[in-house]
Amino acid sequence: MNNLFKRSLSAAMIAVLRPATGLLDAATRLFAFARFAARLHSPLDASVVVLGAPEVRGTGNIIPGRELYLYPDLYLETQEQGRIDIGDDVVISRGVHLVSYYSISIGEGAMIGEYVSVRDANHAYGSGLIRSAGHTGGPIVIGRNAWIGRGAAILAGVTIGDNAVVAANAVVNRDVAPDTVVAGVPARQLLRERAA
């Protein structure tokens, strides 16, 4: 085959397959949306973009906002009275784990980076098997427009203020003030922004 014919054939194949790829992508997103919605006790707004069906474990007590953007490989678990509230316009990136025995609240416009772990309970420690010792912990609040960097861990009982930034791989074991940047293990304040 000559080069002109090969290029023409390639262009024709792309023109035919591109719409099919778009339909497949749309069907995949629709399936992910429907699968996620079926596991929740609250309705899932049509504005939510679900790029891959989250793995939902436990009670399914998850209250999603509007205009969410949910990347693949999310793990969402609620146990006992646990609840996960997600505000409007939140982005949750690939591989994030949210595990609630008490409550996790994510404020409007927050962004959560890849592979972040947010867990509001710890295994109780004492005599006997840790696995059967129960849990201790407390609610987690992530404020409006907060940005949680890739790989960070947010521990039980922590409040992260509005507009705060948690650097990648930080371990947050105490409250973070609004308009503050924290980093490290454990996370410590690096910078405090002036209020506009």
N, C-alpha and C. Protein backbone atom coordinates (compact mmCIF):
# COMPACT_ATOMS: atom_id res chain seq x y z
N MET A 1 0.84 -1.18 0.00
CA MET A 1 0.00 0.00 0.00
C MET A 1 0.88 1.24 0.00
N ASN A 2 0.45 2.22 -0.73
CA ASN A 2 1.23 3.46 -0.72
C ASN A 2 0.87 4.29 0.50
N ASN A 3 1.74 5.24 0.82
CA ASN A 3 1.58 6.06 2.03
C ASN A 3 0.31 6.89 2.03
N LEU A 4 -0.07 7.42 0.87
CA LEU A 4 -1.28 8.23 0.79
C LEU A 4 -2.51 7.39 1.15
N PHE A 5 -2.55 6.15 0.63
CA PHE A 5 -3.68 5.27 0.94
C PHE A 5 -3.69 4.93 2.43
N LYS A 6 -2.54 4.64 3.01
CA LYS A 6 -2.45 4.31 4.44
C LYS A 6 -2.95 5.47 5.30
N ARG A 7 -2.51 6.69 4.96
CA ARG A 7 -2.95 7.86 5.72
C ARG A 7 -4.45 8.07 5.58
N SER A 8 -4.98 7.87 4.37
CA SER A 8 -6.42 8.04 4.15
C SER A 8 -7.21 7.00 4.93
N LEU A 9 -6.72 5.75 4.92
CA LEU A 9 -7.39 4.69 5.66
C LEU A 9 -7.36 4.96 7.16
N SER A 10 -6.21 5.42 7.66
CA SER A 10 -6.10 5.75 9.09
C SER A 10 -7.06 6.87 9.46
N ALA A 11 -7.12 7.90 8.64
CA ALA A 11 -8.02 9.02 8.91
C ALA A 11 -9.48 8.56 8.91
N ALA A 12 -9.84 7.70 7.99
CA ALA A 12 -11.21 7.19 7.92
C ALA A 12 -11.55 6.35 9.16
N MET A 13 -10.61 5.53 9.60
CA MET A 13 -10.83 4.70 10.78
C MET A 13 -11.01 5.57 12.03
N ILE A 14 -10.19 6.60 12.15
CA ILE A 14 -10.30 7.51 13.29
C ILE A 14 -11.66 8.21 13.27
N ALA A 15 -12.08 8.65 12.09
CA ALA A 15 -13.36 9.34 11.97
C ALA A 15 -14.52 8.43 12.37
N VAL A 16 -14.41 7.13 12.06
CA VAL A 16 -15.46 6.18 12.40
C VAL A 16 -15.41 5.80 13.88
N LEU A 17 -14.20 5.59 14.41
CA LEU A 17 -14.06 5.10 15.78
C LEU A 17 -14.19 6.18 16.85
N ARG A 18 -13.87 7.43 16.55
CA ARG A 18 -13.92 8.49 17.55
C ARG A 18 -15.31 8.62 18.18
N PRO A 19 -16.39 8.68 17.39
CA PRO A 19 -17.71 8.74 18.03
C PRO A 19 -18.00 7.50 18.89
N ALA A 20 -17.56 6.34 18.43
CA ALA A 20 -17.79 5.12 19.21
C ALA A 20 -17.05 5.18 20.54
N THR A 21 -15.84 5.72 20.54
CA THR A 21 -15.07 5.87 21.77
C THR A 21 -15.79 6.82 22.72
N GLY A 22 -16.33 7.91 22.18
CA GLY A 22 -17.08 8.85 23.00
C GLY A 22 -18.32 8.21 23.60
N LEU A 23 -19.01 7.37 22.83
CA LEU A 23 -20.18 6.67 23.34
C LEU A 23 -19.79 5.67 24.42
N LEU A 24 -18.68 4.98 24.22
CA LEU A 24 -18.21 4.03 25.22
C LEU A 24 -17.85 4.74 26.52
N ASP A 25 -17.16 5.88 26.40
CA ASP A 25 -16.80 6.67 27.58
C ASP A 25 -18.06 7.15 28.30
N ALA A 26 -19.04 7.61 27.56
CA ALA A 26 -20.30 8.07 28.16
C ALA A 26 -21.02 6.92 28.85
N ALA A 27 -21.04 5.76 28.21
CA ALA A 27 -21.69 4.59 28.81
C ALA A 27 -20.98 4.15 30.08
N THR A 28 -19.65 4.20 30.08
CA THR A 28 -18.87 3.83 31.26
C THR A 28 -19.17 4.79 32.41
N ARG A 29 -19.23 6.08 32.13
CA ARG A 29 -19.55 7.07 33.17
C ARG A 29 -20.97 6.89 33.69
N LEU A 30 -21.90 6.61 32.79
CA LEU A 30 -23.29 6.40 33.19
C LEU A 30 -23.39 5.17 34.11
N PHE A 31 -22.70 4.10 33.76
CA PHE A 31 -22.70 2.90 34.60
C PHE A 31 -22.11 3.21 35.97
N ALA A 32 -20.98 3.92 36.01
CA ALA A 32 -20.33 4.27 37.28
C ALA A 32 -21.27 5.12 38.13
N PHE A 33 -21.93 6.09 37.50
CA PHE A 33 -22.88 6.95 38.22
C PHE A 33 -24.01 6.11 38.82
N ALA A 34 -24.61 5.25 38.00
CA ALA A 34 -25.74 4.43 38.46
C ALA A 34 -25.31 3.48 39.58
N ARG A 35 -24.15 2.90 39.45
CA ARG A 35 -23.67 1.96 40.47
C ARG A 35 -23.43 2.69 41.80
N PHE A 36 -22.84 3.88 41.73
CA PHE A 36 -22.61 4.67 42.94
C PHE A 36 -23.94 5.08 43.56
N ALA A 37 -24.84 5.60 42.75
CA ALA A 37 -26.14 6.06 43.24
C ALA A 37 -26.92 4.94 43.93
N ALA A 38 -26.79 3.73 43.43
CA ALA A 38 -27.53 2.59 43.98
C ALA A 38 -27.07 2.23 45.40
N ARG A 39 -25.85 2.61 45.77
CA ARG A 39 -25.32 2.27 47.10
C ARG A 39 -25.59 3.34 48.15
N LEU A 40 -26.14 4.47 47.75
CA LEU A 40 -26.34 5.58 48.67
C LEU A 40 -27.76 5.61 49.21
N HIS A 41 -27.92 6.19 50.40
CA HIS A 41 -29.25 6.41 50.96
C HIS A 41 -29.81 7.77 50.55
N SER A 42 -28.94 8.64 50.03
CA SER A 42 -29.34 9.97 49.57
C SER A 42 -29.26 10.02 48.06
N PRO A 43 -30.07 10.86 47.42
CA PRO A 43 -30.02 10.93 45.96
C PRO A 43 -28.69 11.52 45.47
N LEU A 44 -28.28 11.10 44.30
CA LEU A 44 -27.07 11.60 43.66
C LEU A 44 -27.49 12.54 42.54
N ASP A 45 -27.10 13.81 42.65
CA ASP A 45 -27.50 14.83 41.69
C ASP A 45 -26.90 14.53 40.31
N ALA A 46 -27.65 14.83 39.27
CA ALA A 46 -27.21 14.58 37.89
C ALA A 46 -25.96 15.38 37.52
N SER A 47 -25.62 16.41 38.29
CA SER A 47 -24.44 17.23 37.99
C SER A 47 -23.13 16.56 38.42
N VAL A 48 -23.22 15.46 39.16
CA VAL A 48 -22.03 14.79 39.68
C VAL A 48 -21.36 13.99 38.57
N VAL A 49 -20.05 14.17 38.43
CA VAL A 49 -19.27 13.41 37.45
C VAL A 49 -18.56 12.28 38.20
N VAL A 50 -18.86 11.04 37.79
CA VAL A 50 -18.26 9.86 38.42
C VAL A 50 -17.44 9.15 37.35
N LEU A 51 -16.12 9.24 37.46
CA LEU A 51 -15.24 8.67 36.44
C LEU A 51 -15.00 7.18 36.62
N GLY A 52 -15.27 6.67 37.79
CA GLY A 52 -15.18 5.24 38.07
C GLY A 52 -15.97 4.99 39.33
N ALA A 53 -16.80 3.97 39.35
CA ALA A 53 -17.69 3.74 40.50
C ALA A 53 -16.89 3.57 41.78
N PRO A 54 -17.13 4.43 42.79
CA PRO A 54 -16.44 4.26 44.07
C PRO A 54 -16.83 2.94 44.72
N GLU A 55 -15.89 2.38 45.47
CA GLU A 55 -16.20 1.21 46.28
C GLU A 55 -16.85 1.71 47.56
N VAL A 56 -18.10 1.35 47.78
CA VAL A 56 -18.85 1.81 48.95
C VAL A 56 -19.04 0.61 49.87
N ARG A 57 -18.59 0.74 51.11
CA ARG A 57 -18.71 -0.32 52.10
C ARG A 57 -19.48 0.18 53.32
N GLY A 58 -20.06 -0.76 54.05
CA GLY A 58 -20.77 -0.40 55.28
C GLY A 58 -22.19 0.04 55.01
N THR A 59 -22.61 1.06 55.73
CA THR A 59 -24.01 1.49 55.73
C THR A 59 -24.41 2.31 54.51
N GLY A 60 -23.46 2.90 53.79
CA GLY A 60 -23.79 3.75 52.65
C GLY A 60 -24.35 5.10 53.06
N ASN A 61 -24.09 5.52 54.29
CA ASN A 61 -24.60 6.79 54.79
C ASN A 61 -23.70 7.93 54.30
N ILE A 62 -23.85 8.24 53.03
CA ILE A 62 -23.03 9.25 52.35
C ILE A 62 -23.99 10.26 51.74
N ILE A 63 -23.76 11.53 52.02
CA ILE A 63 -24.62 12.60 51.51
C ILE A 63 -23.80 13.44 50.54
N PRO A 64 -23.97 13.20 49.24
CA PRO A 64 -23.17 13.92 48.24
C PRO A 64 -23.80 15.25 47.84
N GLY A 65 -22.95 16.24 47.59
CA GLY A 65 -23.41 17.53 47.10
C GLY A 65 -23.61 17.52 45.60
N ARG A 66 -23.67 18.74 45.05
CA ARG A 66 -23.82 18.92 43.60
C ARG A 66 -22.47 19.27 42.98
N GLU A 67 -22.36 19.06 41.66
CA GLU A 67 -21.17 19.45 40.90
C GLU A 67 -19.89 18.79 41.44
N LEU A 68 -20.00 17.58 41.95
CA LEU A 68 -18.82 16.85 42.42
C LEU A 68 -18.06 16.30 41.22
N TYR A 69 -16.77 16.12 41.40
CA TYR A 69 -15.94 15.47 40.38
C TYR A 69 -15.19 14.37 41.10
N LEU A 70 -15.58 13.12 40.84
CA LEU A 70 -15.06 11.96 41.56
C LEU A 70 -14.22 11.10 40.62
N TYR A 71 -12.94 11.01 40.92
CA TYR A 71 -12.03 10.20 40.12
C TYR A 71 -12.17 8.72 40.47
N PRO A 72 -11.57 7.83 39.68
CA PRO A 72 -11.68 6.39 39.93
C PRO A 72 -10.97 5.96 41.22
N ASP A 73 -11.29 4.73 41.63
CA ASP A 73 -10.61 4.03 42.73
C ASP A 73 -10.85 4.66 44.09
N LEU A 74 -12.01 5.27 44.31
CA LEU A 74 -12.33 5.81 45.63
C LEU A 74 -12.85 4.70 46.52
N TYR A 75 -12.53 4.81 47.81
CA TYR A 75 -13.03 3.86 48.80
C TYR A 75 -13.77 4.67 49.87
N LEU A 76 -15.07 4.44 49.99
CA LEU A 76 -15.91 5.18 50.92
C LEU A 76 -16.59 4.19 51.86
N GLU A 77 -16.31 4.33 53.16
CA GLU A 77 -16.86 3.38 54.12
C GLU A 77 -17.49 4.12 55.29
N THR A 78 -18.70 3.71 55.64
CA THR A 78 -19.37 4.24 56.83
C THR A 78 -19.80 3.04 57.68
N GLN A 79 -19.49 3.10 58.96
CA GLN A 79 -19.84 2.04 59.90
C GLN A 79 -20.53 2.67 61.10
N GLU A 80 -21.32 1.85 61.80
CA GLU A 80 -22.04 2.29 62.99
C GLU A 80 -22.82 3.57 62.68
N GLN A 81 -22.64 4.67 63.44
CA GLN A 81 -23.37 5.91 63.14
C GLN A 81 -22.61 6.80 62.16
N GLY A 82 -21.54 6.29 61.57
CA GLY A 82 -20.70 7.08 60.66
C GLY A 82 -21.45 7.66 59.48
N ARG A 83 -20.99 8.83 59.07
CA ARG A 83 -21.64 9.56 57.98
C ARG A 83 -20.58 10.35 57.25
N ILE A 84 -20.70 10.44 55.93
CA ILE A 84 -19.81 11.26 55.11
C ILE A 84 -20.67 12.29 54.38
N ASP A 85 -20.44 13.58 54.67
CA ASP A 85 -21.13 14.68 54.01
C ASP A 85 -20.15 15.36 53.07
N ILE A 86 -20.51 15.45 51.80
CA ILE A 86 -19.63 16.07 50.80
C ILE A 86 -20.35 17.30 50.25
N GLY A 87 -19.74 18.48 50.41
CA GLY A 87 -20.34 19.72 49.93
C GLY A 87 -20.31 19.84 48.42
N ASP A 88 -20.91 20.90 47.92
CA ASP A 88 -20.94 21.16 46.47
C ASP A 88 -19.54 21.51 45.94
N ASP A 89 -19.34 21.22 44.66
CA ASP A 89 -18.11 21.61 43.93
C ASP A 89 -16.84 21.00 44.51
N VAL A 90 -16.93 19.83 45.10
CA VAL A 90 -15.77 19.15 45.68
C VAL A 90 -15.14 18.24 44.62
N VAL A 91 -13.81 18.20 44.61
CA VAL A 91 -13.06 17.28 43.75
C VAL A 91 -12.37 16.27 44.66
N ILE A 92 -12.61 14.99 44.40
CA ILE A 92 -11.94 13.92 45.14
C ILE A 92 -11.17 13.08 44.12
N SER A 93 -9.85 13.09 44.25
CA SER A 93 -8.97 12.47 43.27
C SER A 93 -8.84 10.96 43.46
N ARG A 94 -8.14 10.37 42.54
CA ARG A 94 -7.95 8.91 42.48
C ARG A 94 -7.40 8.33 43.79
N GLY A 95 -7.97 7.20 44.20
CA GLY A 95 -7.42 6.42 45.29
C GLY A 95 -7.66 6.96 46.69
N VAL A 96 -8.54 7.94 46.85
CA VAL A 96 -8.81 8.51 48.17
C VAL A 96 -9.62 7.50 49.00
N HIS A 97 -9.29 7.41 50.30
CA HIS A 97 -10.03 6.58 51.25
C HIS A 97 -10.70 7.50 52.27
N LEU A 98 -12.01 7.39 52.41
CA LEU A 98 -12.77 8.09 53.44
C LEU A 98 -13.45 7.01 54.27
N VAL A 99 -13.10 6.93 55.56
CA VAL A 99 -13.67 5.90 56.44
C VAL A 99 -14.23 6.59 57.67
N SER A 100 -15.55 6.40 57.91
CA SER A 100 -16.22 7.10 59.00
C SER A 100 -16.98 6.16 59.93
N TYR A 101 -16.66 6.28 61.21
CA TYR A 101 -17.44 5.67 62.29
C TYR A 101 -18.21 6.76 63.04
N TYR A 102 -17.81 8.02 62.89
CA TYR A 102 -18.44 9.17 63.55
C TYR A 102 -19.01 10.09 62.49
N SER A 103 -18.20 10.99 61.93
CA SER A 103 -18.64 11.79 60.80
C SER A 103 -17.44 12.46 60.13
N ILE A 104 -17.53 12.55 58.82
CA ILE A 104 -16.57 13.29 58.01
C ILE A 104 -17.38 14.30 57.21
N SER A 105 -17.01 15.57 57.31
CA SER A 105 -17.69 16.63 56.58
C SER A 105 -16.67 17.35 55.70
N ILE A 106 -16.96 17.43 54.41
CA ILE A 106 -16.06 18.07 53.44
C ILE A 106 -16.78 19.30 52.90
N GLY A 107 -16.18 20.47 53.11
CA GLY A 107 -16.82 21.73 52.75
C GLY A 107 -16.81 22.02 51.26
N GLU A 108 -17.68 22.92 50.89
CA GLU A 108 -17.85 23.34 49.50
C GLU A 108 -16.52 23.75 48.87
N GLY A 109 -16.26 23.28 47.66
CA GLY A 109 -15.09 23.69 46.89
C GLY A 109 -13.79 23.06 47.33
N ALA A 110 -13.81 22.14 48.27
CA ALA A 110 -12.57 21.50 48.72
C ALA A 110 -12.01 20.60 47.62
N MET A 111 -10.70 20.44 47.64
CA MET A 111 -10.02 19.55 46.69
C MET A 111 -9.19 18.56 47.51
N ILE A 112 -9.38 17.29 47.21
CA ILE A 112 -8.65 16.24 47.93
C ILE A 112 -7.81 15.49 46.91
N GLY A 113 -6.48 15.53 47.11
CA GLY A 113 -5.53 14.95 46.18
C GLY A 113 -5.49 13.43 46.21
N GLU A 114 -4.74 12.88 45.27
CA GLU A 114 -4.65 11.44 45.11
C GLU A 114 -4.16 10.74 46.38
N TYR A 115 -4.75 9.60 46.66
CA TYR A 115 -4.32 8.67 47.72
C TYR A 115 -4.33 9.27 49.12
N VAL A 116 -5.18 10.25 49.35
CA VAL A 116 -5.37 10.81 50.69
C VAL A 116 -6.18 9.83 51.52
N SER A 117 -5.86 9.74 52.80
CA SER A 117 -6.61 8.91 53.74
C SER A 117 -7.24 9.80 54.80
N VAL A 118 -8.56 9.73 54.93
CA VAL A 118 -9.31 10.49 55.94
C VAL A 118 -10.08 9.46 56.76
N ARG A 119 -9.68 9.29 58.03
CA ARG A 119 -10.29 8.27 58.90
C ARG A 119 -10.60 8.88 60.25
N ASP A 120 -11.86 8.81 60.64
CA ASP A 120 -12.27 9.45 61.89
C ASP A 120 -12.24 8.52 63.09
N ALA A 121 -11.68 7.32 62.95
CA ALA A 121 -11.63 6.37 64.06
C ALA A 121 -10.32 5.60 64.03
N ASN A 122 -9.89 5.20 65.21
CA ASN A 122 -8.71 4.35 65.37
C ASN A 122 -9.14 3.12 66.15
N HIS A 123 -8.42 2.04 65.97
CA HIS A 123 -8.67 0.86 66.81
C HIS A 123 -8.30 1.20 68.25
N ALA A 124 -9.15 0.80 69.18
CA ALA A 124 -8.83 0.97 70.60
C ALA A 124 -7.67 0.04 70.93
N TYR A 125 -6.82 0.48 71.83
CA TYR A 125 -5.65 -0.30 72.18
C TYR A 125 -5.70 -0.65 73.64
N GLY A 126 -5.47 -1.88 73.95
CA GLY A 126 -5.49 -2.34 75.34
C GLY A 126 -5.22 -3.82 75.36
N SER A 127 -5.72 -4.48 76.36
CA SER A 127 -5.50 -5.92 76.43
C SER A 127 -6.40 -6.62 75.42
N GLY A 128 -5.96 -7.76 74.96
CA GLY A 128 -6.73 -8.54 74.01
C GLY A 128 -6.40 -8.18 72.58
N LEU A 129 -7.20 -8.70 71.68
CA LEU A 129 -6.97 -8.48 70.26
C LEU A 129 -7.39 -7.06 69.86
N ILE A 130 -6.50 -6.36 69.18
CA ILE A 130 -6.81 -5.00 68.73
C ILE A 130 -8.02 -5.01 67.81
N ARG A 131 -8.09 -6.02 66.96
CA ARG A 131 -9.17 -6.07 65.97
C ARG A 131 -10.56 -6.07 66.60
N SER A 132 -10.69 -6.65 67.78
CA SER A 132 -12.01 -6.73 68.41
C SER A 132 -12.17 -5.78 69.60
N ALA A 133 -11.24 -4.84 69.75
CA ALA A 133 -11.26 -3.93 70.90
C ALA A 133 -12.16 -2.71 70.71
N GLY A 134 -12.77 -2.56 69.55
CA GLY A 134 -13.62 -1.40 69.30
C GLY A 134 -12.81 -0.24 68.72
N HIS A 135 -13.44 0.93 68.72
CA HIS A 135 -12.84 2.11 68.09
C HIS A 135 -12.92 3.32 69.00
N THR A 136 -11.97 4.21 68.84
CA THR A 136 -12.01 5.53 69.45
C THR A 136 -11.85 6.54 68.32
N GLY A 137 -12.29 7.74 68.53
CA GLY A 137 -12.13 8.74 67.47
C GLY A 137 -13.03 9.92 67.67
N GLY A 138 -13.21 10.67 66.60
CA GLY A 138 -14.06 11.84 66.64
C GLY A 138 -14.27 12.39 65.25
N PRO A 139 -15.24 13.27 65.08
CA PRO A 139 -15.57 13.81 63.77
C PRO A 139 -14.41 14.55 63.12
N ILE A 140 -14.38 14.53 61.80
CA ILE A 140 -13.42 15.29 61.00
C ILE A 140 -14.19 16.31 60.18
N VAL A 141 -13.69 17.54 60.17
CA VAL A 141 -14.29 18.60 59.36
C VAL A 141 -13.19 19.16 58.46
N ILE A 142 -13.46 19.16 57.15
CA ILE A 142 -12.57 19.79 56.17
C ILE A 142 -13.31 20.99 55.64
N GLY A 143 -12.74 22.17 55.83
CA GLY A 143 -13.42 23.42 55.53
C GLY A 143 -13.59 23.71 54.05
N ARG A 144 -14.32 24.79 53.78
CA ARG A 144 -14.56 25.24 52.41
C ARG A 144 -13.24 25.61 51.73
N ASN A 145 -13.11 25.26 50.48
CA ASN A 145 -11.95 25.60 49.65
C ASN A 145 -10.62 25.10 50.21
N ALA A 146 -10.67 24.13 51.10
CA ALA A 146 -9.43 23.54 51.59
C ALA A 146 -8.82 22.68 50.49
N TRP A 147 -7.52 22.55 50.53
CA TRP A 147 -6.79 21.75 49.55
C TRP A 147 -5.93 20.76 50.31
N ILE A 148 -6.23 19.47 50.13
CA ILE A 148 -5.50 18.40 50.80
C ILE A 148 -4.59 17.76 49.75
N GLY A 149 -3.27 17.86 49.93
CA GLY A 149 -2.31 17.38 48.95
C GLY A 149 -2.20 15.86 48.92
N ARG A 150 -1.64 15.38 47.83
CA ARG A 150 -1.49 13.95 47.56
C ARG A 150 -0.86 13.20 48.74
N GLY A 151 -1.48 12.08 49.10
CA GLY A 151 -0.92 11.18 50.09
C GLY A 151 -1.02 11.63 51.54
N ALA A 152 -1.71 12.72 51.81
CA ALA A 152 -1.85 13.18 53.19
C ALA A 152 -2.76 12.24 53.97
N ALA A 153 -2.58 12.23 55.29
CA ALA A 153 -3.45 11.46 56.18
C ALA A 153 -4.09 12.43 57.16
N ILE A 154 -5.41 12.41 57.23
CA ILE A 154 -6.17 13.26 58.15
C ILE A 154 -6.72 12.33 59.22
N LEU A 155 -6.34 12.57 60.48
CA LEU A 155 -6.68 11.66 61.57
C LEU A 155 -7.91 12.12 62.35
N ALA A 156 -8.41 11.25 63.18
CA ALA A 156 -9.66 11.44 63.92
C ALA A 156 -9.67 12.73 64.73
N GLY A 157 -10.83 13.40 64.73
CA GLY A 157 -11.05 14.56 65.57
C GLY A 157 -10.49 15.86 65.05
N VAL A 158 -9.97 15.89 63.82
CA VAL A 158 -9.30 17.07 63.27
C VAL A 158 -10.29 17.96 62.52
N THR A 159 -10.11 19.27 62.68
CA THR A 159 -10.82 20.25 61.86
C THR A 159 -9.79 21.01 61.04
N ILE A 160 -10.01 21.05 59.73
CA ILE A 160 -9.15 21.81 58.82
C ILE A 160 -9.96 23.02 58.39
N GLY A 161 -9.44 24.20 58.66
CA GLY A 161 -10.19 25.43 58.42
C GLY A 161 -10.39 25.75 56.95
N ASP A 162 -11.28 26.70 56.69
CA ASP A 162 -11.54 27.18 55.33
C ASP A 162 -10.25 27.69 54.70
N ASN A 163 -10.07 27.41 53.43
CA ASN A 163 -8.94 27.90 52.62
C ASN A 163 -7.58 27.39 53.10
N ALA A 164 -7.55 26.39 53.96
CA ALA A 164 -6.28 25.84 54.42
C ALA A 164 -5.70 24.91 53.36
N VAL A 165 -4.38 24.75 53.41
CA VAL A 165 -3.68 23.85 52.50
C VAL A 165 -2.88 22.86 53.34
N VAL A 166 -3.06 21.57 53.04
CA VAL A 166 -2.29 20.50 53.67
C VAL A 166 -1.35 19.96 52.60
N ALA A 167 -0.05 20.06 52.85
CA ALA A 167 0.94 19.65 51.86
C ALA A 167 0.92 18.13 51.64
N ALA A 168 1.46 17.72 50.52
CA ALA A 168 1.53 16.30 50.17
C ALA A 168 2.22 15.51 51.28
N ASN A 169 1.67 14.33 51.56
CA ASN A 169 2.22 13.36 52.52
C ASN A 169 2.23 13.83 53.96
N ALA A 170 1.56 14.91 54.28
CA ALA A 170 1.48 15.38 55.67
C ALA A 170 0.58 14.45 56.47
N VAL A 171 0.85 14.37 57.76
CA VAL A 171 -0.02 13.63 58.69
C VAL A 171 -0.62 14.66 59.64
N VAL A 172 -1.93 14.88 59.52
CA VAL A 172 -2.60 15.92 60.29
C VAL A 172 -3.26 15.27 61.51
N ASN A 173 -2.72 15.57 62.70
CA ASN A 173 -3.25 15.00 63.93
C ASN A 173 -3.77 16.06 64.89
N ARG A 174 -3.82 17.32 64.43
CA ARG A 174 -4.41 18.41 65.22
C ARG A 174 -5.04 19.41 64.28
N ASP A 175 -5.88 20.28 64.82
CA ASP A 175 -6.61 21.24 64.00
C ASP A 175 -5.67 22.14 63.20
N VAL A 176 -6.16 22.54 62.01
CA VAL A 176 -5.45 23.46 61.13
C VAL A 176 -6.30 24.71 61.01
N ALA A 177 -5.72 25.86 61.33
CA ALA A 177 -6.46 27.12 61.28
C ALA A 177 -6.82 27.48 59.84
N PRO A 178 -7.87 28.28 59.66
CA PRO A 178 -8.21 28.76 58.32
C PRO A 178 -7.03 29.53 57.71
N ASP A 179 -6.95 29.51 56.37
CA ASP A 179 -5.94 30.29 55.62
C ASP A 179 -4.51 29.94 56.01
N THR A 180 -4.26 28.70 56.38
CA THR A 180 -2.96 28.25 56.84
C THR A 180 -2.43 27.14 55.94
N VAL A 181 -1.11 27.09 55.76
CA VAL A 181 -0.45 26.00 55.04
C VAL A 181 0.30 25.17 56.07
N VAL A 182 0.06 23.84 56.06
CA VAL A 182 0.76 22.94 56.96
C VAL A 182 1.45 21.85 56.16
N ALA A 183 2.55 21.31 56.74
CA ALA A 183 3.29 20.23 56.10
C ALA A 183 4.02 19.44 57.17
N GLY A 184 4.40 18.22 56.83
CA GLY A 184 5.25 17.42 57.69
C GLY A 184 4.53 16.31 58.41
N VAL A 185 5.34 15.58 59.22
CA VAL A 185 4.84 14.45 60.01
C VAL A 185 5.34 14.63 61.43
N PRO A 186 4.51 15.05 62.37
CA PRO A 186 3.14 15.51 62.18
C PRO A 186 3.13 16.89 61.51
N ALA A 187 1.98 17.24 60.93
CA ALA A 187 1.87 18.50 60.19
C ALA A 187 2.04 19.69 61.13
N ARG A 188 2.83 20.65 60.66
CA ARG A 188 3.06 21.90 61.39
C ARG A 188 2.84 23.08 60.44
N GLN A 189 2.48 24.21 61.01
CA GLN A 189 2.20 25.40 60.21
C GLN A 189 3.47 25.90 59.52
N LEU A 190 3.35 26.15 58.22
CA LEU A 190 4.44 26.75 57.44
C LEU A 190 4.17 28.22 57.17
N LEU A 191 2.90 28.52 56.92
CA LEU A 191 2.56 29.84 56.43
C LEU A 191 1.12 30.15 56.81
N ARG A 192 0.89 31.40 57.11
CA ARG A 192 -0.49 31.86 57.35
C ARG A 192 -0.73 33.00 56.38
N GLU A 193 -1.75 32.82 55.54
CA GLU A 193 -2.11 33.83 54.55
C GLU A 193 -2.86 34.97 55.22
N ARG A 194 -2.64 36.18 54.74
CA ARG A 194 -3.44 37.29 55.22
C ARG A 194 -4.82 37.23 54.63
N ALA A 195 -5.81 37.54 55.42
CA ALA A 195 -7.20 37.55 54.91
C ALA A 195 -7.33 38.66 53.87
N ALA A 196 -8.00 38.38 52.77
CA ALA A 196 -8.16 39.36 51.70
C ALA A 196 -9.23 40.36 52.03
